[in-house]
Amino acid sequence: MARTPAQWQALARTLARDADALNRRFVEALVDVLRRVERRLPSLLADAEAGQATAALTAARLGRTRTSLRQLLAEAGYDDLATVAASAAVSRTLRRLGLTSAAYRRALAFETAGRPAAMAALLTALRETARLDILGHGDVVATALWRATVRGTLGAEPPAALLSQLAAVLDGEQGRAATLYDTNVSIVQRLSVQAVPSVPGDTATDRGAPLYVFVGPVDEVIRPFCLRHVGRVYTRAEIDALDNGQLPNTFVTGGGYNCRHLWAPISRFDPAAALQGTDGRVAEVAAELARRPARVAGRRVRRAV
């Protein structure tokens, strides 16, 4: 059966806690990876600076250093972390949606029904997209390290000063990688929730074109965009016309970086459908807002690192 707005709101809060837990684990693993990289930087720099007899040799060595830095990240475990973290985001979301049961396994094998097969394809694509996005940031980290190395080497900076600069680069990229992963987790959750009606066992075949209710935490870190829309009901066209001010395609990205809110599908026969086109909110969210006016008024806005 289709979920009600109350059920979606409860699930969205659970998924938000999951996202926080996944991100904490990702950051812990990422810190270990970057510290391993940092420990190996002195030997890599010594190799890059050795025997700089001519400008041509210096340029060649620095060019090889760029490749070596990316390889160093892989050897330190960054690429493996991307694979594990992306899979964790999808598998945790599947469990919360109840899609690791026999019904989901049937959907994976059921190639003729179209929608179930599309669901399986979507989840595979989400996992791979998240993995490639994190891997792509590894290239960004390597490039940032390489640029700092080039500036320091050509500027004849002392090794200690150069290593300090590279450590600062790693610290900065750690925060950006965490934001990237957190945003990918929220996209995995959001698109999985939107695809739920295609799973076998959902008997609401008379749903028609779905409406969407924006659900998720109402707390002190909710951003203005999410506060404005949480609990309200929209058509897909209305969602597509919204601008979160951070990322394109609001249907996919919600409120932007780190957003913990979801566009949850509801039937046009759900009582909440009457709220579409109005400023009204579903009862569960309206009640939460009424209970927490002081906390929300003094909120800290979530933003990208």
Protein backbone atom coordinates (compact mmCIF):
# COMPACT_ATOMS: atom_id res chain seq x y z
CA MET A 1 0.00 0.00 0.00
CA ALA A 2 1.04 3.60 -0.57
CA ARG A 3 2.47 5.36 2.48
CA THR A 4 0.62 8.23 4.12
CA PRO A 5 2.27 11.64 4.76
CA ALA A 6 2.60 10.70 8.45
CA GLN A 7 4.45 7.51 7.52
CA TRP A 8 6.67 9.39 5.08
CA GLN A 9 7.50 12.02 7.70
CA ALA A 10 8.52 9.35 10.20
CA LEU A 11 10.60 7.56 7.56
CA ALA A 12 12.25 10.81 6.49
CA ARG A 13 13.40 11.47 10.05
CA THR A 14 14.84 7.96 10.20
CA LEU A 15 16.61 8.39 6.87
CA ALA A 16 18.07 11.70 8.08
CA ARG A 17 19.57 9.91 11.09
CA ASP A 18 20.90 7.25 8.74
CA ALA A 19 22.51 9.92 6.56
CA ASP A 20 24.23 11.45 9.58
CA ALA A 21 25.53 8.03 10.66
CA LEU A 22 26.75 7.17 7.16
CA ASN A 23 28.52 10.49 6.87
CA ARG A 24 30.22 10.08 10.25
CA ARG A 25 31.56 6.69 9.20
CA PHE A 26 32.68 8.08 5.86
CA VAL A 27 34.56 10.94 7.52
CA GLU A 28 36.24 8.58 9.99
CA ALA A 29 37.44 6.35 7.15
CA LEU A 30 38.41 9.35 5.03
CA VAL A 31 40.54 10.78 7.84
CA ASP A 32 42.44 7.48 8.04
CA VAL A 33 43.00 7.51 4.26
CA LEU A 34 44.22 11.11 4.19
CA ARG A 35 46.54 10.57 7.14
CA ARG A 36 48.10 7.64 5.28
CA VAL A 37 48.58 9.94 2.31
CA GLU A 38 50.13 12.60 4.52
CA ARG A 39 52.63 10.14 6.00
CA ARG A 40 53.84 9.20 2.51
CA LEU A 41 54.14 12.74 1.15
CA PRO A 42 57.75 13.37 2.34
CA SER A 43 59.14 10.48 0.30
CA LEU A 44 57.09 11.48 -2.74
CA LEU A 45 58.33 15.08 -2.52
CA ALA A 46 61.92 13.95 -2.15
CA ASP A 47 61.50 11.97 -5.35
CA ALA A 48 59.97 14.94 -7.15
CA GLU A 49 62.76 17.33 -6.13
CA ALA A 50 65.71 15.00 -6.74
CA GLY A 51 68.24 15.96 -9.38
CA GLN A 52 66.64 19.10 -10.75
CA ALA A 53 69.43 19.78 -13.23
CA THR A 54 67.36 21.57 -15.87
CA ALA A 55 63.99 23.22 -16.19
CA ALA A 56 62.91 20.44 -18.56
CA LEU A 57 63.77 17.75 -16.03
CA THR A 58 61.97 19.68 -13.29
CA ALA A 59 58.83 19.97 -15.44
CA ALA A 60 58.93 16.26 -16.29
CA ARG A 61 59.29 15.23 -12.67
CA LEU A 62 56.49 17.52 -11.56
CA GLY A 63 54.28 16.09 -14.29
CA ARG A 64 54.91 12.57 -13.04
CA THR A 65 54.21 13.78 -9.51
CA ARG A 66 50.61 14.56 -10.48
CA THR A 67 50.06 10.93 -11.49
CA SER A 68 51.91 9.70 -8.42
CA LEU A 69 49.69 11.73 -6.11
CA ARG A 70 46.52 10.20 -7.54
CA GLN A 71 48.07 6.74 -7.29
CA LEU A 72 49.03 7.49 -3.70
CA LEU A 73 45.40 8.25 -2.88
CA ALA A 74 44.32 4.94 -4.40
CA GLU A 75 46.99 3.00 -2.53
CA ALA A 76 45.94 4.68 0.71
CA GLY A 77 42.43 3.30 0.23
CA TYR A 78 40.51 6.24 -1.23
CA ASP A 79 39.11 4.37 -4.25
CA ASP A 80 38.05 1.41 -2.09
CA LEU A 81 36.36 3.82 0.31
CA ALA A 82 34.38 5.30 -2.61
CA THR A 83 33.05 1.87 -3.52
CA VAL A 84 32.18 0.83 0.02
CA ALA A 85 30.60 4.17 0.95
CA ALA A 86 28.43 4.31 -2.18
CA SER A 87 27.20 0.74 -1.61
CA ALA A 88 26.46 1.51 2.05
CA ALA A 89 24.27 4.48 1.09
CA VAL A 90 22.14 2.36 -1.25
CA SER A 91 21.90 -0.75 0.94
CA ARG A 92 20.94 1.22 4.07
CA THR A 93 18.21 3.05 2.14
CA LEU A 94 16.91 -0.23 0.72
CA ARG A 95 16.58 -1.69 4.19
CA ARG A 96 14.66 1.33 5.45
CA LEU A 97 12.27 1.14 2.50
CA GLY A 98 11.78 -2.59 3.01
CA LEU A 99 13.23 -3.39 -0.40
CA THR A 100 15.69 -6.11 0.58
CA SER A 101 12.87 -8.61 0.91
CA ALA A 102 11.78 -11.25 -1.59
CA ALA A 103 9.69 -8.57 -3.31
CA TYR A 104 12.79 -6.57 -4.19
CA ARG A 105 14.64 -9.68 -5.33
CA ARG A 106 11.72 -10.41 -7.62
CA ALA A 107 11.97 -6.86 -8.95
CA LEU A 108 15.62 -7.41 -9.82
CA ALA A 109 14.75 -10.49 -11.86
CA PHE A 110 11.45 -9.32 -13.30
CA GLU A 111 12.53 -7.89 -16.67
CA THR A 112 9.16 -7.71 -18.41
CA ALA A 113 7.15 -5.48 -16.10
CA GLY A 114 9.15 -2.36 -16.92
CA ARG A 115 8.69 -0.38 -13.74
CA PRO A 116 10.23 -2.95 -11.32
CA ALA A 117 13.15 -3.45 -13.71
CA ALA A 118 13.52 0.33 -13.90
CA MET A 119 13.66 0.44 -10.10
CA ALA A 120 16.53 -2.04 -10.04
CA ALA A 121 18.33 -0.12 -12.79
CA LEU A 122 17.84 3.14 -10.92
CA LEU A 123 19.39 1.77 -7.73
CA THR A 124 22.36 0.39 -9.65
CA ALA A 125 22.81 3.76 -11.35
CA LEU A 126 22.57 5.63 -8.04
CA ARG A 127 25.26 3.45 -6.48
CA GLU A 128 27.58 3.85 -9.46
CA THR A 129 26.99 7.60 -9.76
CA ALA A 130 27.82 8.13 -6.09
CA ARG A 131 30.95 6.00 -6.44
CA LEU A 132 32.15 7.89 -9.52
CA ASP A 133 31.38 11.25 -7.89
CA ILE A 134 33.54 10.38 -4.88
CA LEU A 135 36.27 9.00 -7.16
CA GLY A 136 36.14 12.21 -9.17
CA HIS A 137 36.80 14.18 -6.03
CA GLY A 138 39.91 12.05 -5.57
CA ASP A 139 41.16 13.58 -8.81
CA VAL A 140 40.37 17.02 -7.37
CA VAL A 141 42.37 16.23 -4.22
CA ALA A 142 45.34 15.00 -6.26
CA THR A 143 45.23 18.11 -8.44
CA ALA A 144 45.07 20.42 -5.42
CA LEU A 145 48.07 18.63 -3.88
CA TRP A 146 49.94 18.80 -7.17
CA ARG A 147 49.36 22.55 -7.58
CA ALA A 148 50.64 23.19 -4.08
CA THR A 149 53.66 20.97 -4.82
CA VAL A 150 54.43 22.85 -8.04
CA ARG A 151 54.23 26.24 -6.36
CA GLY A 152 56.38 25.10 -3.46
CA THR A 153 58.97 23.31 -5.60
CA LEU A 154 59.37 26.09 -8.14
CA GLY A 155 59.41 28.64 -5.33
CA ALA A 156 62.16 26.69 -3.54
CA GLU A 157 60.18 26.48 -0.32
CA PRO A 158 61.73 24.50 2.55
CA PRO A 159 60.38 20.93 2.71
CA ALA A 160 58.76 21.52 6.10
CA ALA A 161 56.84 24.53 4.82
CA LEU A 162 55.71 22.68 1.72
CA LEU A 163 54.53 19.68 3.76
CA SER A 164 52.58 22.03 5.99
CA GLN A 165 50.84 23.48 2.94
CA LEU A 166 49.98 20.02 1.66
CA ALA A 167 48.54 19.05 5.04
CA ALA A 168 46.35 22.15 4.88
CA VAL A 169 45.15 21.09 1.41
CA LEU A 170 44.18 17.67 2.76
CA ASP A 171 42.29 19.22 5.65
CA GLY A 172 40.28 21.44 3.29
CA GLU A 173 39.51 18.66 0.85
CA GLN A 174 38.36 16.42 3.71
CA GLY A 175 35.49 18.80 4.42
CA ARG A 176 34.56 19.11 0.77
CA ALA A 177 34.61 15.33 0.29
CA ALA A 178 32.34 14.91 3.32
CA THR A 179 29.84 17.40 1.89
CA LEU A 180 29.96 15.63 -1.47
CA TYR A 181 29.24 12.26 0.13
CA ASP A 182 26.49 13.60 2.38
CA THR A 183 24.81 15.19 -0.64
CA ASN A 184 25.07 11.93 -2.60
CA VAL A 185 23.50 10.00 0.28
CA SER A 186 20.55 12.39 0.31
CA ILE A 187 20.12 12.04 -3.47
CA VAL A 188 20.16 8.24 -3.16
CA GLN A 189 17.49 8.44 -0.45
CA ARG A 190 15.40 11.01 -2.33
CA LEU A 191 15.32 9.17 -5.66
CA SER A 192 14.76 5.79 -4.00
CA VAL A 193 11.75 7.17 -2.13
CA GLN A 194 10.35 8.65 -5.33
CA ALA A 195 10.68 5.27 -7.07
CA VAL A 196 8.97 3.25 -4.33
CA PRO A 197 5.54 3.05 -6.05
CA SER A 198 7.14 0.92 -8.80
CA VAL A 199 7.96 -1.91 -6.40
CA PRO A 200 5.82 -5.08 -6.60
CA GLY A 201 3.30 -5.23 -3.78
CA ASP A 202 2.18 -1.59 -4.12
CA THR A 203 -1.44 -2.09 -5.14
CA ALA A 204 -2.36 1.57 -5.58
CA THR A 205 -2.59 1.26 -9.36
CA ASP A 206 -5.24 3.97 -9.51
CA ARG A 207 -2.87 6.54 -8.08
CA GLY A 208 -2.62 8.59 -11.28
CA ALA A 209 0.13 11.14 -11.69
CA PRO A 210 1.52 11.42 -8.17
CA LEU A 211 1.72 14.45 -5.98
CA TYR A 212 4.72 14.94 -3.69
CA VAL A 213 4.92 16.06 -0.09
CA PHE A 214 8.20 17.56 1.14
CA VAL A 215 9.06 15.70 4.35
CA GLY A 216 11.97 15.61 6.76
CA PRO A 217 13.38 17.02 10.01
CA VAL A 218 12.07 20.25 11.47
CA ASP A 219 14.91 21.37 13.72
CA GLU A 220 17.43 24.12 14.43
CA VAL A 221 19.56 23.37 11.36
CA ILE A 222 16.77 23.46 8.78
CA ARG A 223 17.60 25.94 6.03
CA PRO A 224 15.15 28.65 4.83
CA PHE A 225 14.26 26.83 1.59
CA CYS A 226 13.38 23.62 3.42
CA LEU A 227 11.50 25.47 6.16
CA ARG A 228 9.44 27.23 3.52
CA HIS A 229 8.43 24.01 1.75
CA VAL A 230 8.45 21.23 4.38
CA GLY A 231 5.05 19.64 4.80
CA ARG A 232 3.61 21.19 1.65
CA VAL A 233 2.25 19.29 -1.35
CA TYR A 234 3.38 19.90 -4.94
CA THR A 235 3.06 18.57 -8.45
CA ARG A 236 6.24 17.55 -10.27
CA ALA A 237 5.96 20.67 -12.47
CA GLU A 238 5.76 22.89 -9.38
CA ILE A 239 8.84 21.22 -7.88
CA ASP A 240 10.78 21.66 -11.12
CA ALA A 241 10.02 25.39 -11.01
CA LEU A 242 11.59 25.79 -7.56
CA ASP A 243 15.14 27.06 -7.05
CA ASN A 244 17.05 26.02 -3.92
CA GLY A 245 19.83 28.52 -4.64
CA GLN A 246 22.58 25.88 -4.51
CA LEU A 247 22.10 22.98 -6.92
CA PRO A 248 20.02 22.51 -10.08
CA ASN A 249 17.12 20.06 -10.43
CA THR A 250 15.30 20.53 -7.14
CA PHE A 251 13.39 17.27 -7.62
CA VAL A 252 16.72 15.44 -7.28
CA THR A 253 18.70 17.76 -5.03
CA GLY A 254 15.96 18.96 -2.66
CA GLY A 255 17.18 21.94 -0.67
CA GLY A 256 20.79 21.64 -1.89
CA TYR A 257 23.98 20.49 -0.23
CA ASN A 258 23.46 18.17 2.74
CA CYS A 259 19.66 18.41 2.47
CA ARG A 260 17.89 15.79 4.58
CA HIS A 261 14.42 16.30 3.11
CA LEU A 262 12.54 14.16 0.58
CA TRP A 263 9.88 14.59 -2.08
CA ALA A 264 7.66 11.69 -1.04
CA PRO A 265 4.97 10.51 -3.49
CA ILE A 266 1.35 10.44 -2.35
CA SER A 267 -1.80 9.41 -4.17
CA ARG A 268 -4.16 12.03 -5.52
CA PHE A 269 -6.77 10.20 -3.46
CA ASP A 270 -4.89 10.87 -0.22
CA PRO A 271 -6.64 13.55 1.92
CA ALA A 272 -3.38 15.55 1.87
CA ALA A 273 -3.80 16.02 -1.88
CA ALA A 274 -6.25 18.83 -1.08
CA LEU A 275 -3.27 20.87 0.18
CA GLN A 276 -1.74 21.08 -3.29
CA GLY A 277 -1.83 24.66 -4.54
CA THR A 278 -2.31 26.07 -1.02
CA ASP A 279 0.00 27.25 1.78
CA GLY A 280 -1.25 24.45 4.04
CA ARG A 281 1.03 21.76 5.44
CA VAL A 282 0.32 18.13 6.28
CA ALA A 283 -0.79 17.74 9.87
CA GLU A 284 2.33 15.95 11.12
CA VAL A 285 4.69 18.70 9.96
CA ALA A 286 2.37 21.50 11.07
CA ALA A 287 2.30 19.95 14.55
CA GLU A 288 6.10 19.72 14.67
CA LEU A 289 6.42 23.36 13.64
CA ALA A 290 3.92 24.38 16.30
CA ARG A 291 5.87 22.50 18.98
CA ARG A 292 9.27 23.92 18.07
CA PRO A 293 8.88 27.58 17.10
CA ALA A 294 11.71 28.83 19.33
CA ARG A 295 14.21 26.23 18.15
CA VAL A 296 13.41 26.80 14.47
CA ALA A 297 13.46 30.57 14.84
CA GLY A 298 17.01 30.33 16.18
CA ARG A 299 18.13 27.76 13.61
CA ARG A 300 21.65 27.35 12.29
CA VAL A 301 21.48 27.13 8.50
CA ARG A 302 23.10 24.05 6.95
CA ARG A 303 25.57 24.96 4.26
CA ALA A 304 28.27 23.41 2.12
CA VAL A 305 31.81 23.17 3.50
